[in-house]
């Protein structure tokens, strides 16, 4: 089920967007995760977050989604990817979940050595990655600056 954006906007809007939370489940394909990135940035802007923070949230979320596309599923398979975002007073939380099994990095390197995870860690206040046989969860949080805390 898709919910379309404003008349001038042709980007499909995933269902599940509310004022303080966003919950979407779409195929882990490059086209679909791009739409999810735009939706995440739109959601952050709707919370009246500063532009730089909204774009940092969007970019970090997109990197986690792109990692799911690249690493979670065998080539040619677009398994599911879930995007969850929420605001609880002064904390923004974004979680990306896939149900695949990440390809192991070359010997001598860990999953956290990749550029995408390094970028995510540089953009988010806190990052946690949990990889199991049932999938991978990337959790990111941002503490709102003091001036934005009173808005919620």
Protein backbone atom coordinates (compact mmCIF):
# COMPACT_ATOMS: atom_id res chain seq x y z
CA UNK A 1 0.00 0.00 0.00
CA UNK A 2 1.46 3.34 -1.05
CA UNK A 3 0.44 6.79 0.02
CA UNK A 4 1.35 9.48 -2.47
CA UNK A 5 2.89 12.81 -1.51
CA UNK A 6 1.79 16.31 -2.38
CA UNK A 7 0.47 16.86 -5.94
CA UNK A 8 3.80 18.26 -7.20
CA UNK A 9 5.76 15.41 -5.59
CA UNK A 10 5.95 12.20 -7.64
CA UNK A 11 7.95 10.23 -5.05
CA UNK A 12 5.83 7.40 -3.62
CA UNK A 13 5.34 7.86 0.12
CA UNK A 14 5.45 4.71 2.21
CA UNK A 15 2.53 4.22 4.53
CA UNK A 16 3.00 4.53 8.26
CA UNK A 17 4.17 8.13 8.62
CA UNK A 18 2.85 10.01 11.62
CA UNK A 19 3.89 13.21 13.31
CA UNK A 20 6.50 11.60 15.56
CA UNK A 21 7.15 8.23 13.94
CA UNK A 22 7.79 6.61 10.58
CA UNK A 23 7.52 2.87 9.93
CA UNK A 24 8.08 1.42 6.45
CA UNK A 25 8.81 -2.00 4.97
CA UNK A 26 9.87 -2.10 1.33
CA UNK A 27 12.03 -4.29 -0.92
CA UNK A 28 15.78 -3.79 -0.47
CA UNK A 29 16.34 -2.42 -3.96
CA UNK A 30 18.27 0.72 -4.93
CA UNK A 31 15.15 2.45 -6.27
CA UNK A 32 13.05 1.72 -3.19
CA UNK A 33 15.69 2.74 -0.66
CA UNK A 34 16.12 6.05 -2.46
CA UNK A 35 12.40 6.71 -1.95
CA UNK A 36 12.81 5.74 1.72
CA UNK A 37 15.68 8.22 2.10
CA UNK A 38 13.53 11.04 0.74
CA UNK A 39 10.72 10.01 3.08
CA UNK A 40 13.08 9.97 6.08
CA UNK A 41 14.36 13.48 5.27
CA UNK A 42 10.79 14.71 4.71
CA UNK A 43 9.75 13.22 8.07
CA UNK A 44 12.69 14.92 9.83
CA UNK A 45 11.84 18.25 8.20
CA UNK A 46 8.21 17.85 9.30
CA UNK A 47 9.52 17.71 12.88
CA UNK A 48 11.04 21.17 12.31
CA UNK A 49 14.55 19.86 12.87
CA UNK A 50 17.41 22.04 11.61
CA UNK A 51 18.17 21.32 7.95
CA UNK A 52 21.67 19.98 8.62
CA UNK A 53 20.30 17.52 11.19
CA UNK A 54 17.46 16.36 8.91
CA UNK A 55 19.95 15.68 6.12
CA UNK A 56 22.40 13.91 8.46
CA UNK A 57 19.55 11.65 9.57
CA UNK A 58 18.59 11.01 5.94
CA UNK A 59 22.14 10.25 4.85
CA UNK A 60 22.89 7.95 7.79
CA UNK A 61 19.59 6.13 7.23
CA UNK A 62 20.32 5.82 3.52
CA UNK A 63 23.78 4.37 4.19
CA UNK A 64 22.26 1.73 6.47
CA UNK A 65 19.62 0.96 3.82
CA UNK A 66 22.29 0.78 1.09
CA UNK A 67 24.28 -1.67 3.22
CA UNK A 68 21.20 -3.91 3.34
CA UNK A 69 20.86 -3.77 -0.45
CA UNK A 70 24.56 -4.48 -0.98
CA UNK A 71 25.29 -7.02 1.72
CA UNK A 72 22.14 -8.70 3.07
CA UNK A 73 20.68 -10.58 0.12
CA UNK A 74 22.12 -12.64 -2.73
CA UNK A 75 22.43 -10.79 -6.03
CA UNK A 76 19.08 -10.53 -7.79
CA UNK A 77 17.02 -10.94 -4.58
CA UNK A 78 15.29 -7.89 -3.14
CA UNK A 79 14.45 -9.13 0.34
CA UNK A 80 12.62 -6.84 2.77
CA UNK A 81 14.13 -3.89 4.57
CA UNK A 82 12.40 -2.00 7.37
CA UNK A 83 12.90 1.62 8.34
CA UNK A 84 11.73 2.87 11.71
CA UNK A 85 12.18 6.44 12.90
CA UNK A 86 10.81 8.09 16.01
CA UNK A 87 11.13 11.15 18.15
CA UNK A 88 10.80 10.92 21.91
CA UNK A 89 11.23 14.40 23.39
CA UNK A 90 14.91 15.21 22.78
CA UNK A 91 15.94 11.93 21.13
CA UNK A 92 15.64 10.92 17.48
CA UNK A 93 16.01 7.17 16.83
CA UNK A 94 16.33 5.55 13.39
CA UNK A 95 16.53 1.79 12.92
CA UNK A 96 17.11 -0.17 9.71
CA UNK A 97 16.37 -3.90 9.77
CA UNK A 98 16.95 -6.51 7.09
CA UNK A 99 16.19 -10.23 7.15
CA UNK A 100 19.19 -11.29 5.12
CA UNK A 101 22.56 -12.68 5.97
CA UNK A 102 25.40 -10.25 5.36
CA UNK A 103 28.32 -11.38 3.26
CA UNK A 104 31.37 -11.67 5.46
CA UNK A 105 34.18 -9.14 4.85
CA UNK A 106 37.56 -10.34 3.59
CA UNK A 107 39.82 -12.02 6.13
CA UNK A 108 41.41 -9.55 8.53
CA UNK A 109 38.59 -6.99 8.23
CA UNK A 110 35.41 -6.60 10.25
CA UNK A 111 31.95 -5.39 9.24
CA UNK A 112 32.66 -2.10 10.98
CA UNK A 113 35.61 -1.37 8.68
CA UNK A 114 33.35 -0.41 5.77
CA UNK A 115 33.03 3.20 4.64
CA UNK A 116 29.25 3.18 5.04
CA UNK A 117 29.39 2.29 8.72
CA UNK A 118 32.18 4.81 9.27
CA UNK A 119 30.00 7.49 7.67
CA UNK A 120 27.00 6.47 9.79
CA UNK A 121 29.14 6.69 12.93
CA UNK A 122 30.30 10.16 11.90
CA UNK A 123 26.73 11.39 11.34
CA UNK A 124 24.86 9.87 14.30
CA UNK A 125 25.38 10.45 18.00
CA UNK A 126 25.26 6.72 18.79
CA UNK A 127 25.29 3.68 16.49
CA UNK A 128 24.75 0.02 17.28
CA UNK A 129 24.93 -2.83 14.75
CA UNK A 130 23.58 -6.28 15.58
CA UNK A 131 24.08 -9.04 13.00
CA UNK A 132 22.49 -12.46 13.53
CA UNK A 133 21.45 -15.37 11.32
CA UNK A 134 17.96 -13.79 11.16
CA UNK A 135 19.16 -10.42 9.85
CA UNK A 136 20.96 -7.23 10.71
CA UNK A 137 19.73 -4.25 12.73
CA UNK A 138 21.42 -0.86 12.57
CA UNK A 139 20.22 1.49 15.32
CA UNK A 140 21.17 5.18 15.23
CA UNK A 141 20.29 7.95 17.66
CA UNK A 142 20.68 11.72 17.75
CA UNK A 143 20.32 13.89 20.84
CA UNK A 144 18.60 17.12 19.88
CA UNK A 145 20.45 20.36 20.53
CA UNK A 146 19.19 22.24 23.59
CA UNK A 147 17.24 24.82 21.53
CA UNK A 148 15.18 22.12 19.76
CA UNK A 149 14.34 20.15 22.94
CA UNK A 150 11.53 22.48 24.00
CA UNK A 151 9.65 22.04 20.69
CA UNK A 152 8.49 18.44 21.34
